[in-house]
């Protein structure tokens, strides 16, 4: 069985074709970084317009790359939520329309289920059950996964997601958009133990997260530490030290919560997915933690950590196999709880 996947939930247009025997046949990704850079963040209207421009050409390119015709497809999957409603509507309308025109079933996909299942695209894929940490610009949550659609949310962010906190702190440091990866790069030049940041919500029971206070702590630290009389080199080093301390605090917080979730569920497998899962310090900390727990940790490859069409195609194919498909109506669902999905 073979399916076309369309991802347009935010600021990246991802298209892929996935075959359940051959795996990923082709995939392409267009990032809107240049479109939003001048504004320091995603502008929803610009994101929607860019998806309109890029989605159809990318679909044509992927069909050529895979040497596949529409008649060789068994379905079309598209991200129906959560995300920016205008951006979602582009993918929903194009996906549903192509499915109608090509006489194929259309499958709406939950964006976070796509991320959660992205490690299944790797040669070494996790077996159910496992604990998943979904960590991105829009979401931070811990989920017990017993099968596709069998999700129990153990904890989630009550305010800013980890990726959002990375981006906002990067902006406070005067770094370019998108700030998270730039901050992580700057942190590599930082010195340990120059600043001490709190590990929010780790001194109380539970698995929820909160990162907005960490961002405020960073703002106050920057204001106090970077004084006008300092040289440019001194200011740069202090910024790197703050970036290091901030990143270390986020990573420690995520690691503590993951360990707590594994102990609570008595599971030994951990999946990390979403844009922040590409962070090197996070991967190193969790690898060390899982070694101590005599467990395993699984990630998607870096190119599938961020939004992409391959994860939507894979998730859509699993749903299609179980008989899920959309009638001629369609809708975008900007808010869509993961644990409301039916089991496969």
C-alpha atoms as a PDB file:
ATOM      1  CA  UNK A   1       0.000   0.000   0.000  1.00  0.00           C
ATOM      2  CA  UNK A   2       1.300   3.462  -0.928  1.00  0.00           C
ATOM      3  CA  UNK A   3       0.258   6.918   0.244  1.00  0.00           C
ATOM      4  CA  UNK A   4       1.056  10.587  -0.364  1.00  0.00           C
ATOM      5  CA  UNK A   5       1.560  12.685   2.780  1.00  0.00           C
ATOM      6  CA  UNK A   6       1.018  16.459   3.003  1.00  0.00           C
ATOM      7  CA  UNK A   7       2.187  18.544   5.991  1.00  0.00           C
ATOM      8  CA  UNK A   8       1.249  22.256   6.225  1.00  0.00           C
ATOM      9  CA  UNK A   9       0.526  22.833   9.916  1.00  0.00           C
ATOM     10  CA  UNK A  10       2.846  25.790  10.482  1.00  0.00           C
ATOM     11  CA  UNK A  11       5.855  27.169   8.605  1.00  0.00           C
ATOM     12  CA  UNK A  12       7.150  24.148   6.689  1.00  0.00           C
ATOM     13  CA  UNK A  13       5.652  22.489   3.624  1.00  0.00           C
ATOM     14  CA  UNK A  14       6.452  18.774   3.686  1.00  0.00           C
ATOM     15  CA  UNK A  15       5.487  16.239   1.021  1.00  0.00           C
ATOM     16  CA  UNK A  16       6.360  12.541   0.937  1.00  0.00           C
ATOM     17  CA  UNK A  17       5.368   9.208  -0.549  1.00  0.00           C
ATOM     18  CA  UNK A  18       5.524   6.198   1.742  1.00  0.00           C
ATOM     19  CA  UNK A  19       5.147   2.555   0.742  1.00  0.00           C
ATOM     20  CA  UNK A  20       4.602  -0.099   3.424  1.00  0.00           C
ATOM     21  CA  UNK A  21       7.074  -2.417   1.674  1.00  0.00           C
ATOM     22  CA  UNK A  22       9.639   0.005   0.229  1.00  0.00           C
ATOM     23  CA  UNK A  23       9.507   2.618   2.977  1.00  0.00           C
ATOM     24  CA  UNK A  24      10.012   6.281   2.072  1.00  0.00           C
ATOM     25  CA  UNK A  25      10.066   6.519  -1.708  1.00  0.00           C
ATOM     26  CA  UNK A  26      10.607  10.281  -1.872  1.00  0.00           C
ATOM     27  CA  UNK A  27      10.219  13.331   0.340  1.00  0.00           C
ATOM     28  CA  UNK A  28      10.753  17.060   0.051  1.00  0.00           C
ATOM     29  CA  UNK A  29      10.615  19.877   2.564  1.00  0.00           C
ATOM     30  CA  UNK A  30      10.357  23.610   2.055  1.00  0.00           C
ATOM     31  CA  UNK A  31      11.078  25.835   5.055  1.00  0.00           C
ATOM     32  CA  UNK A  32       9.635  29.339   5.365  1.00  0.00           C
ATOM     33  CA  UNK A  33      12.478  30.656   7.540  1.00  0.00           C
ATOM     34  CA  UNK A  34      13.347  33.399   5.057  1.00  0.00           C
ATOM     35  CA  UNK A  35       9.676  34.461   4.847  1.00  0.00           C
ATOM     36  CA  UNK A  36       9.331  35.021   8.600  1.00  0.00           C
ATOM     37  CA  UNK A  37      12.891  36.037   9.555  1.00  0.00           C
ATOM     38  CA  UNK A  38      12.235  39.792   9.359  1.00  0.00           C
ATOM     39  CA  UNK A  39       9.357  39.443  11.820  1.00  0.00           C
ATOM     40  CA  UNK A  40      11.170  37.299  14.385  1.00  0.00           C
ATOM     41  CA  UNK A  41       8.407  34.665  14.360  1.00  0.00           C
ATOM     42  CA  UNK A  42       5.767  32.969  12.227  1.00  0.00           C
ATOM     43  CA  UNK A  43       3.198  35.294  10.639  1.00  0.00           C
ATOM     44  CA  UNK A  44       0.122  33.069  10.080  1.00  0.00           C
ATOM     45  CA  UNK A  45      -1.165  34.865   6.978  1.00  0.00           C
ATOM     46  CA  UNK A  46       2.237  34.732   5.281  1.00  0.00           C
ATOM     47  CA  UNK A  47       2.569  31.057   6.215  1.00  0.00           C
ATOM     48  CA  UNK A  48      -0.771  30.219   4.610  1.00  0.00           C
ATOM     49  CA  UNK A  49       0.036  32.117   1.421  1.00  0.00           C
ATOM     50  CA  UNK A  50       3.412  30.399   1.098  1.00  0.00           C
ATOM     51  CA  UNK A  51       1.814  26.960   1.509  1.00  0.00           C
ATOM     52  CA  UNK A  52      -0.558  27.873  -1.341  1.00  0.00           C
ATOM     53  CA  UNK A  53       2.439  28.658  -3.534  1.00  0.00           C
ATOM     54  CA  UNK A  54       4.581  25.657  -2.621  1.00  0.00           C
ATOM     55  CA  UNK A  55       2.356  22.635  -1.949  1.00  0.00           C
ATOM     56  CA  UNK A  56       1.307  21.686  -5.500  1.00  0.00           C
ATOM     57  CA  UNK A  57       4.806  22.160  -7.020  1.00  0.00           C
ATOM     58  CA  UNK A  58       6.306  20.021  -4.241  1.00  0.00           C
ATOM     59  CA  UNK A  59       3.724  17.288  -4.819  1.00  0.00           C
ATOM     60  CA  UNK A  60       4.657  17.243  -8.514  1.00  0.00           C
ATOM     61  CA  UNK A  61       8.367  17.064  -7.620  1.00  0.00           C
ATOM     62  CA  UNK A  62       7.862  14.177  -5.196  1.00  0.00           C
ATOM     63  CA  UNK A  63       5.821  12.186  -7.736  1.00  0.00           C
ATOM     64  CA  UNK A  64       8.679  12.623 -10.215  1.00  0.00           C
ATOM     65  CA  UNK A  65      11.334  11.754  -7.600  1.00  0.00           C
ATOM     66  CA  UNK A  66       9.495   8.540  -6.704  1.00  0.00           C
ATOM     67  CA  UNK A  67       8.666   7.756 -10.349  1.00  0.00           C
ATOM     68  CA  UNK A  68       5.058   7.328  -9.287  1.00  0.00           C
ATOM     69  CA  UNK A  69       1.823   8.377 -10.975  1.00  0.00           C
ATOM     70  CA  UNK A  70      -1.336   9.308  -9.059  1.00  0.00           C
ATOM     71  CA  UNK A  71      -2.871   6.047 -10.286  1.00  0.00           C
ATOM     72  CA  UNK A  72      -0.201   4.127  -8.335  1.00  0.00           C
ATOM     73  CA  UNK A  73      -1.268   5.696  -5.026  1.00  0.00           C
ATOM     74  CA  UNK A  74      -3.714   4.111  -2.590  1.00  0.00           C
ATOM     75  CA  UNK A  75      -4.558   7.252  -0.636  1.00  0.00           C
ATOM     76  CA  UNK A  76      -3.658  10.785   0.395  1.00  0.00           C
ATOM     77  CA  UNK A  77      -2.922  11.816   3.984  1.00  0.00           C
ATOM     78  CA  UNK A  78      -2.873  15.410   5.153  1.00  0.00           C
ATOM     79  CA  UNK A  79      -2.352  17.155   8.476  1.00  0.00           C
ATOM     80  CA  UNK A  80      -5.763  18.215   9.797  1.00  0.00           C
ATOM     81  CA  UNK A  81      -4.525  19.598  13.127  1.00  0.00           C
ATOM     82  CA  UNK A  82      -3.365  20.865  15.488  1.00  0.00           C
ATOM     83  CA  UNK A  83      -1.655  23.929  14.038  1.00  0.00           C
ATOM     84  CA  UNK A  84      -2.350  27.306  12.430  1.00  0.00           C
ATOM     85  CA  UNK A  85      -5.865  27.144  11.041  1.00  0.00           C
ATOM     86  CA  UNK A  86      -5.075  28.933   7.757  1.00  0.00           C
ATOM     87  CA  UNK A  87      -2.013  26.799   7.089  1.00  0.00           C
ATOM     88  CA  UNK A  88      -3.934  23.623   7.931  1.00  0.00           C
ATOM     89  CA  UNK A  89      -6.750  24.572   5.565  1.00  0.00           C
ATOM     90  CA  UNK A  90      -4.309  24.752   2.660  1.00  0.00           C
ATOM     91  CA  UNK A  91      -3.170  21.171   3.161  1.00  0.00           C
ATOM     92  CA  UNK A  92      -6.687  19.925   3.959  1.00  0.00           C
ATOM     93  CA  UNK A  93      -8.254  21.466   0.867  1.00  0.00           C
ATOM     94  CA  UNK A  94      -5.475  20.402  -1.486  1.00  0.00           C
ATOM     95  CA  UNK A  95      -5.300  16.884  -0.057  1.00  0.00           C
ATOM     96  CA  UNK A  96      -9.078  16.365  -0.100  1.00  0.00           C
ATOM     97  CA  UNK A  97      -9.395  17.855  -3.616  1.00  0.00           C
ATOM     98  CA  UNK A  98      -6.622  15.709  -5.091  1.00  0.00           C
ATOM     99  CA  UNK A  99      -8.127  12.629  -3.464  1.00  0.00           C
ATOM    100  CA  UNK A 100     -11.478  13.441  -5.070  1.00  0.00           C
ATOM    101  CA  UNK A 101      -9.925  14.147  -8.456  1.00  0.00           C
ATOM    102  CA  UNK A 102      -7.795  10.987  -8.373  1.00  0.00           C
ATOM    103  CA  UNK A 103     -10.588   8.843  -6.875  1.00  0.00           C
ATOM    104  CA  UNK A 104      -8.560   8.003  -3.756  1.00  0.00           C
ATOM    105  CA  UNK A 105      -9.438   7.887  -0.049  1.00  0.00           C
ATOM    106  CA  UNK A 106      -8.336  10.926   1.962  1.00  0.00           C
ATOM    107  CA  UNK A 107      -6.998  10.499   5.504  1.00  0.00           C
ATOM    108  CA  UNK A 108      -6.860  13.368   8.028  1.00  0.00           C
ATOM    109  CA  UNK A 109      -3.818  13.002  10.312  1.00  0.00           C
ATOM    110  CA  UNK A 110      -3.102  14.365  13.776  1.00  0.00           C
ATOM    111  CA  UNK A 111       0.147  16.336  13.611  1.00  0.00           C
ATOM    112  CA  UNK A 112       1.424  15.096  16.983  1.00  0.00           C
ATOM    113  CA  UNK A 113       0.620  11.487  16.127  1.00  0.00           C
ATOM    114  CA  UNK A 114       2.834  12.017  13.094  1.00  0.00           C
ATOM    115  CA  UNK A 115       5.699  13.173  15.337  1.00  0.00           C
ATOM    116  CA  UNK A 116       5.073  10.366  17.813  1.00  0.00           C
ATOM    117  CA  UNK A 117       5.299   7.732  15.065  1.00  0.00           C
ATOM    118  CA  UNK A 118       8.251   9.324  13.228  1.00  0.00           C
ATOM    119  CA  UNK A 119      10.792   6.926  14.852  1.00  0.00           C
ATOM    120  CA  UNK A 120       8.902   4.094  13.137  1.00  0.00           C
ATOM    121  CA  UNK A 121      10.484   5.311   9.889  1.00  0.00           C
ATOM    122  CA  UNK A 122      13.906   4.170  11.132  1.00  0.00           C
ATOM    123  CA  UNK A 123      15.505   0.731  10.719  1.00  0.00           C
ATOM    124  CA  UNK A 124      15.592   0.389  14.504  1.00  0.00           C
ATOM    125  CA  UNK A 125      11.991   1.160  15.430  1.00  0.00           C
ATOM    126  CA  UNK A 126      10.574   0.964  18.964  1.00  0.00           C
ATOM    127  CA  UNK A 127       8.139  -1.735  19.999  1.00  0.00           C
ATOM    128  CA  UNK A 128       4.960  -0.923  21.922  1.00  0.00           C
ATOM    129  CA  UNK A 129       4.490  -0.009  24.711  1.00  0.00           C
ATOM    130  CA  UNK A 130       6.737   2.991  25.344  1.00  0.00           C
ATOM    131  CA  UNK A 131       6.798   6.459  26.840  1.00  0.00           C
ATOM    132  CA  UNK A 132       7.028   9.294  24.316  1.00  0.00           C
ATOM    133  CA  UNK A 133       8.339  12.804  24.950  1.00  0.00           C
ATOM    134  CA  UNK A 134       6.890  15.081  22.265  1.00  0.00           C
ATOM    135  CA  UNK A 135       8.846  18.298  22.428  1.00  0.00           C
ATOM    136  CA  UNK A 136       8.550  21.072  19.842  1.00  0.00           C
ATOM    137  CA  UNK A 137       7.804  24.758  19.409  1.00  0.00           C
ATOM    138  CA  UNK A 138       4.112  24.274  20.048  1.00  0.00           C
ATOM    139  CA  UNK A 139       3.925  21.226  22.320  1.00  0.00           C
ATOM    140  CA  UNK A 140       5.676  19.560  25.219  1.00  0.00           C
ATOM    141  CA  UNK A 141       4.024  16.414  26.518  1.00  0.00           C
ATOM    142  CA  UNK A 142       4.728  12.973  27.917  1.00  0.00           C
ATOM    143  CA  UNK A 143       2.543  10.179  26.574  1.00  0.00           C
ATOM    144  CA  UNK A 144       2.196   6.511  27.384  1.00  0.00           C
ATOM    145  CA  UNK A 145       1.832   4.697  24.047  1.00  0.00           C
ATOM    146  CA  UNK A 146       0.410   1.165  24.030  1.00  0.00           C
ATOM    147  CA  UNK A 147      -0.330   1.101  20.294  1.00  0.00           C
ATOM    148  CA  UNK A 148      -1.395   3.378  17.460  1.00  0.00           C
ATOM    149  CA  UNK A 149      -4.229   5.479  18.833  1.00  0.00           C
ATOM    150  CA  UNK A 150      -3.739   4.072  22.342  1.00  0.00           C
ATOM    151  CA  UNK A 151      -2.414   7.211  23.989  1.00  0.00           C
ATOM    152  CA  UNK A 152      -2.508   8.318  27.609  1.00  0.00           C
ATOM    153  CA  UNK A 153      -1.224  11.847  28.172  1.00  0.00           C
ATOM    154  CA  UNK A 154       0.835  11.718  31.370  1.00  0.00           C
ATOM    155  CA  UNK A 155       1.823  15.373  31.473  1.00  0.00           C
ATOM    156  CA  UNK A 156       2.070  18.468  29.304  1.00  0.00           C
ATOM    157  CA  UNK A 157       3.130  22.098  29.400  1.00  0.00           C
ATOM    158  CA  UNK A 158       0.784  24.422  31.241  1.00  0.00           C
ATOM    159  CA  UNK A 159       2.184  27.463  29.380  1.00  0.00           C
ATOM    160  CA  UNK A 160       5.087  27.840  26.925  1.00  0.00           C
ATOM    161  CA  UNK A 161       6.322  24.697  25.206  1.00  0.00           C
ATOM    162  CA  UNK A 162      10.063  23.985  25.462  1.00  0.00           C
ATOM    163  CA  UNK A 163      10.724  24.956  21.846  1.00  0.00           C
ATOM    164  CA  UNK A 164       8.770  28.176  22.291  1.00  0.00           C
ATOM    165  CA  UNK A 165      10.854  29.020  25.368  1.00  0.00           C
ATOM    166  CA  UNK A 166      14.026  28.374  23.348  1.00  0.00           C
ATOM    167  CA  UNK A 167      12.866  30.733  20.604  1.00  0.00           C
ATOM    168  CA  UNK A 168      11.768  33.493  22.989  1.00  0.00           C
ATOM    169  CA  UNK A 169      14.985  33.326  25.005  1.00  0.00           C
ATOM    170  CA  UNK A 170      17.012  33.444  21.795  1.00  0.00           C
ATOM    171  CA  UNK A 171      15.128  36.599  20.844  1.00  0.00           C
ATOM    172  CA  UNK A 172      15.995  38.129  24.238  1.00  0.00           C
ATOM    173  CA  UNK A 173      19.651  37.357  23.478  1.00  0.00           C
ATOM    174  CA  UNK A 174      19.350  39.150  20.122  1.00  0.00           C
ATOM    175  CA  UNK A 175      19.752  35.972  18.067  1.00  0.00           C
ATOM    176  CA  UNK A 176      18.329  35.425  14.592  1.00  0.00           C
ATOM    177  CA  UNK A 177      15.105  33.545  13.843  1.00  0.00           C
ATOM    178  CA  UNK A 178      14.527  30.641  14.246  1.00  0.00           C
ATOM    179  CA  UNK A 179      16.103  31.104  17.624  1.00  0.00           C
ATOM    180  CA  UNK A 180      16.128  27.606  19.128  1.00  0.00           C
ATOM    181  CA  UNK A 181      18.838  26.031  16.934  1.00  0.00           C
ATOM    182  CA  UNK A 182      20.877  29.273  17.037  1.00  0.00           C
ATOM    183  CA  UNK A 183      20.721  29.348  20.841  1.00  0.00           C
ATOM    184  CA  UNK A 184      21.843  25.715  20.994  1.00  0.00           C
ATOM    185  CA  UNK A 185      24.791  26.556  18.738  1.00  0.00           C
ATOM    186  CA  UNK A 186      25.735  29.535  20.932  1.00  0.00           C
ATOM    187  CA  UNK A 187      25.426  27.373  24.059  1.00  0.00           C
ATOM    188  CA  UNK A 188      28.207  25.166  22.691  1.00  0.00           C
ATOM    189  CA  UNK A 189      30.556  28.127  23.313  1.00  0.00           C
ATOM    190  CA  UNK A 190      29.209  28.713  26.812  1.00  0.00           C
ATOM    191  CA  UNK A 191      30.876  27.820  30.089  1.00  0.00           C
ATOM    192  CA  UNK A 192      29.234  25.602  32.671  1.00  0.00           C
ATOM    193  CA  UNK A 193      28.296  26.878  36.150  1.00  0.00           C
ATOM    194  CA  UNK A 194      28.526  30.565  35.264  1.00  0.00           C
ATOM    195  CA  UNK A 195      24.776  30.980  35.851  1.00  0.00           C
ATOM    196  CA  UNK A 196      22.281  28.820  37.726  1.00  0.00           C
ATOM    197  CA  UNK A 197      18.780  28.563  36.285  1.00  0.00           C
ATOM    198  CA  UNK A 198      15.827  26.882  38.051  1.00  0.00           C
ATOM    199  CA  UNK A 199      14.422  23.506  36.973  1.00  0.00           C
ATOM    200  CA  UNK A 200      10.709  24.394  36.946  1.00  0.00           C
ATOM    201  CA  UNK A 201       8.119  22.048  38.467  1.00  0.00           C
ATOM    202  CA  UNK A 202      10.690  19.355  39.292  1.00  0.00           C
ATOM    203  CA  UNK A 203      10.397  19.846  43.068  1.00  0.00           C
ATOM    204  CA  UNK A 204       6.748  18.786  43.095  1.00  0.00           C
ATOM    205  CA  UNK A 205       5.045  15.536  42.053  1.00  0.00           C
ATOM    206  CA  UNK A 206       3.499  15.168  38.626  1.00  0.00           C
ATOM    207  CA  UNK A 207       4.608  15.223  35.002  1.00  0.00           C
ATOM    208  CA  UNK A 208       3.427  18.639  33.789  1.00  0.00           C
ATOM    209  CA  UNK A 209       5.863  21.249  32.474  1.00  0.00           C
ATOM    210  CA  UNK A 210       6.159  25.024  32.747  1.00  0.00           C
ATOM    211  CA  UNK A 211       8.757  27.038  30.849  1.00  0.00           C
ATOM    212  CA  UNK A 212       7.405  30.602  30.866  1.00  0.00           C
ATOM    213  CA  UNK A 213       9.076  31.350  34.215  1.00  0.00           C
ATOM    214  CA  UNK A 214      12.395  30.107  32.862  1.00  0.00           C
ATOM    215  CA  UNK A 215      12.082  32.592  30.013  1.00  0.00           C
ATOM    216  CA  UNK A 216      11.412  35.395  32.540  1.00  0.00           C
ATOM    217  CA  UNK A 217      14.418  34.271  34.601  1.00  0.00           C
ATOM    218  CA  UNK A 218      16.531  34.465  31.432  1.00  0.00           C
ATOM    219  CA  UNK A 219      15.267  37.990  30.702  1.00  0.00           C
ATOM    220  CA  UNK A 220      16.213  39.180  34.200  1.00  0.00           C
ATOM    221  CA  UNK A 221      19.615  37.477  34.001  1.00  0.00           C
ATOM    222  CA  UNK A 222      20.390  39.111  30.666  1.00  0.00           C
ATOM    223  CA  UNK A 223      19.409  42.540  31.992  1.00  0.00           C
ATOM    224  CA  UNK A 224      21.594  42.168  35.090  1.00  0.00           C
ATOM    225  CA  UNK A 225      24.620  40.490  33.512  1.00  0.00           C
ATOM    226  CA  UNK A 226      25.119  42.413  30.282  1.00  0.00           C
ATOM    227  CA  UNK A 227      26.297  45.869  31.341  1.00  0.00           C
ATOM    228  CA  UNK A 228      27.117  48.781  28.994  1.00  0.00           C
ATOM    229  CA  UNK A 229      30.758  49.027  30.133  1.00  0.00           C
ATOM    230  CA  UNK A 230      31.574  45.477  28.975  1.00  0.00           C
ATOM    231  CA  UNK A 231      33.459  44.902  25.723  1.00  0.00           C
ATOM    232  CA  UNK A 232      31.778  43.246  22.749  1.00  0.00           C
ATOM    233  CA  UNK A 233      33.773  40.052  23.364  1.00  0.00           C
ATOM    234  CA  UNK A 234      32.754  39.985  27.029  1.00  0.00           C
ATOM    235  CA  UNK A 235      29.091  40.475  26.128  1.00  0.00           C
ATOM    236  CA  UNK A 236      29.275  37.664  23.571  1.00  0.00           C
ATOM    237  CA  UNK A 237      30.785  35.287  26.128  1.00  0.00           C
ATOM    238  CA  UNK A 238      28.177  36.167  28.739  1.00  0.00           C
ATOM    239  CA  UNK A 239      25.406  35.547  26.217  1.00  0.00           C
ATOM    240  CA  UNK A 240      26.939  32.147  25.438  1.00  0.00           C
ATOM    241  CA  UNK A 241      27.122  31.358  29.170  1.00  0.00           C
ATOM    242  CA  UNK A 242      23.455  32.312  29.610  1.00  0.00           C
ATOM    243  CA  UNK A 243      22.502  30.220  26.574  1.00  0.00           C
ATOM    244  CA  UNK A 244      24.353  27.262  28.105  1.00  0.00           C
ATOM    245  CA  UNK A 245      22.650  27.672  31.481  1.00  0.00           C
ATOM    246  CA  UNK A 246      19.215  28.056  29.903  1.00  0.00           C
ATOM    247  CA  UNK A 247      19.628  25.017  27.657  1.00  0.00           C
ATOM    248  CA  UNK A 248      20.974  22.965  30.566  1.00  0.00           C
ATOM    249  CA  UNK A 249      17.929  23.900  32.677  1.00  0.00           C
ATOM    250  CA  UNK A 250      15.469  22.868  29.949  1.00  0.00           C
ATOM    251  CA  UNK A 251      17.319  19.622  29.243  1.00  0.00           C
ATOM    252  CA  UNK A 252      17.586  18.724  32.942  1.00  0.00           C
ATOM    253  CA  UNK A 253      13.878  19.430  33.415  1.00  0.00           C
ATOM    254  CA  UNK A 254      12.899  17.245  30.464  1.00  0.00           C
ATOM    255  CA  UNK A 255      15.245  14.473  31.621  1.00  0.00           C
ATOM    256  CA  UNK A 256      13.906  14.493  35.187  1.00  0.00           C
ATOM    257  CA  UNK A 257      10.330  14.282  33.939  1.00  0.00           C
ATOM    258  CA  UNK A 258      11.151  11.483  31.480  1.00  0.00           C
ATOM    259  CA  UNK A 259      12.789   9.449  34.204  1.00  0.00           C
ATOM    260  CA  UNK A 260       9.798  10.035  36.466  1.00  0.00           C
ATOM    261  CA  UNK A 261       7.394   8.936  33.706  1.00  0.00           C
ATOM    262  CA  UNK A 262       9.360   5.748  33.056  1.00  0.00           C
ATOM    263  CA  UNK A 263       9.423   4.894  36.753  1.00  0.00           C
ATOM    264  CA  UNK A 264       5.710   5.624  37.051  1.00  0.00           C
ATOM    265  CA  UNK A 265       4.765   3.425  34.076  1.00  0.00           C
ATOM    266  CA  UNK A 266       7.483   0.806  34.750  1.00  0.00           C
ATOM    267  CA  UNK A 267       8.457   0.933  31.065  1.00  0.00           C
ATOM    268  CA  UNK A 268      11.988   0.725  29.665  1.00  0.00           C
ATOM    269  CA  UNK A 269      11.534   2.276  26.220  1.00  0.00           C
ATOM    270  CA  UNK A 270      11.565   6.025  25.590  1.00  0.00           C
ATOM    271  CA  UNK A 271      10.767   7.798  22.309  1.00  0.00           C
ATOM    272  CA  UNK A 272      11.771  11.439  21.748  1.00  0.00           C
ATOM    273  CA  UNK A 273      10.219  13.316  18.817  1.00  0.00           C
ATOM    274  CA  UNK A 274       9.548  16.881  17.681  1.00  0.00           C
ATOM    275  CA  UNK A 275      11.893  19.696  16.715  1.00  0.00           C
ATOM    276  CA  UNK A 276      13.679  19.935  20.075  1.00  0.00           C
ATOM    277  CA  UNK A 277      14.490  16.205  19.931  1.00  0.00           C
ATOM    278  CA  UNK A 278      17.366  17.126  17.604  1.00  0.00           C
ATOM    279  CA  UNK A 279      19.087  18.998  20.467  1.00  0.00           C
ATOM    280  CA  UNK A 280      22.481  17.374  21.099  1.00  0.00           C
ATOM    281  CA  UNK A 281      22.592  17.992  24.861  1.00  0.00           C
ATOM    282  CA  UNK A 282      19.100  16.503  25.265  1.00  0.00           C
ATOM    283  CA  UNK A 283      20.057  13.387  23.325  1.00  0.00           C
ATOM    284  CA  UNK A 284      23.235  12.921  25.357  1.00  0.00           C
ATOM    285  CA  UNK A 285      21.450  13.344  28.693  1.00  0.00           C
ATOM    286  CA  UNK A 286      18.639  10.965  27.804  1.00  0.00           C
ATOM    287  CA  UNK A 287      21.055   8.369  26.404  1.00  0.00           C
ATOM    288  CA  UNK A 288      22.959   8.469  29.711  1.00  0.00           C
ATOM    289  CA  UNK A 289      19.727   8.262  31.712  1.00  0.00           C
ATOM    290  CA  UNK A 290      18.409   5.284  29.743  1.00  0.00           C
ATOM    291  CA  UNK A 291      21.741   3.491  30.115  1.00  0.00           C
ATOM    292  CA  UNK A 292      21.446   3.828  33.899  1.00  0.00           C
ATOM    293  CA  UNK A 293      17.864   2.559  33.747  1.00  0.00           C
ATOM    294  CA  UNK A 294      18.947  -0.309  31.454  1.00  0.00           C
ATOM    295  CA  UNK A 295      16.450   0.873  28.879  1.00  0.00           C
ATOM    296  CA  UNK A 296      16.447   2.124  25.283  1.00  0.00           C
ATOM    297  CA  UNK A 297      15.834   5.517  23.730  1.00  0.00           C
ATOM    298  CA  UNK A 298      14.615   6.028  20.157  1.00  0.00           C
ATOM    299  CA  UNK A 299      14.681   9.125  17.923  1.00  0.00           C
ATOM    300  CA  UNK A 300      13.761   9.958  14.347  1.00  0.00           C
ATOM    301  CA  UNK A 301      16.684  11.031  12.181  1.00  0.00           C
ATOM    302  CA  UNK A 302      17.347  14.810  12.452  1.00  0.00           C
ATOM    303  CA  UNK A 303      15.546  15.657   9.198  1.00  0.00           C
ATOM    304  CA  UNK A 304      12.377  14.012  10.557  1.00  0.00           C
ATOM    305  CA  UNK A 305      12.518  15.717  13.964  1.00  0.00           C
ATOM    306  CA  UNK A 306      11.017  18.901  12.526  1.00  0.00           C
ATOM    307  CA  UNK A 307       7.710  18.967  10.631  1.00  0.00           C
ATOM    308  CA  UNK A 308       7.814  16.774   7.518  1.00  0.00           C
ATOM    309  CA  UNK A 309       5.606  14.921   5.084  1.00  0.00           C
ATOM    310  CA  UNK A 310       7.088  11.470   5.734  1.00  0.00           C
ATOM    311  CA  UNK A 311       5.692  11.239   9.261  1.00  0.00           C
ATOM    312  CA  UNK A 312       2.237  12.282   7.995  1.00  0.00           C
ATOM    313  CA  UNK A 313       2.390   9.696   5.221  1.00  0.00           C
ATOM    314  CA  UNK A 314       3.363   6.950   7.685  1.00  0.00           C
ATOM    315  CA  UNK A 315       0.687   7.858  10.230  1.00  0.00           C
ATOM    316  CA  UNK A 316      -1.888   8.219   7.453  1.00  0.00           C
ATOM    317  CA  UNK A 317      -1.067   4.795   6.052  1.00  0.00           C
ATOM    318  CA  UNK A 318      -1.627   3.149   9.433  1.00  0.00           C
ATOM    319  CA  UNK A 319      -5.020   4.854   9.683  1.00  0.00           C
ATOM    320  CA  UNK A 320      -5.935   3.987   6.093  1.00  0.00           C
ATOM    321  CA  UNK A 321      -5.149   0.315   6.695  1.00  0.00           C
ATOM    322  CA  UNK A 322      -7.660   0.309   9.545  1.00  0.00           C
ATOM    323  CA  UNK A 323     -10.372   1.770   7.295  1.00  0.00           C
ATOM    324  CA  UNK A 324     -10.130   5.431   8.314  1.00  0.00           C
ATOM    325  CA  UNK A 325     -10.826   7.965   5.569  1.00  0.00           C
ATOM    326  CA  UNK A 326     -12.641  11.275   5.139  1.00  0.00           C
ATOM    327  CA  UNK A 327     -15.800  11.907   3.147  1.00  0.00           C
ATOM    328  CA  UNK A 328     -16.085  14.865   0.787  1.00  0.00           C
ATOM    329  CA  UNK A 329     -16.256  17.314   3.676  1.00  0.00           C
ATOM    330  CA  UNK A 330     -13.096  18.304   5.514  1.00  0.00           C
ATOM    331  CA  UNK A 331     -12.124  20.533   8.382  1.00  0.00           C
ATOM    332  CA  UNK A 332      -9.004  21.862  10.032  1.00  0.00           C
ATOM    333  CA  UNK A 333      -8.770  21.358  13.793  1.00  0.00           C
ATOM    334  CA  UNK A 334      -6.290  23.861  15.280  1.00  0.00           C
ATOM    335  CA  UNK A 335      -6.840  22.389  18.786  1.00  0.00           C
ATOM    336  CA  UNK A 336      -7.089  18.613  18.876  1.00  0.00           C
ATOM    337  CA  UNK A 337      -6.247  16.580  22.014  1.00  0.00           C
ATOM    338  CA  UNK A 338      -4.032  13.617  21.163  1.00  0.00           C
ATOM    339  CA  UNK A 339      -5.787  11.249  23.539  1.00  0.00           C
ATOM    340  CA  UNK A 340      -9.105  11.631  21.701  1.00  0.00           C
ATOM    341  CA  UNK A 341      -7.851   9.660  18.677  1.00  0.00           C
ATOM    342  CA  UNK A 342      -9.416   6.227  18.115  1.00  0.00           C
ATOM    343  CA  UNK A 343      -7.226   3.143  18.473  1.00  0.00           C
ATOM    344  CA  UNK A 344      -6.119   1.239  15.372  1.00  0.00           C
END
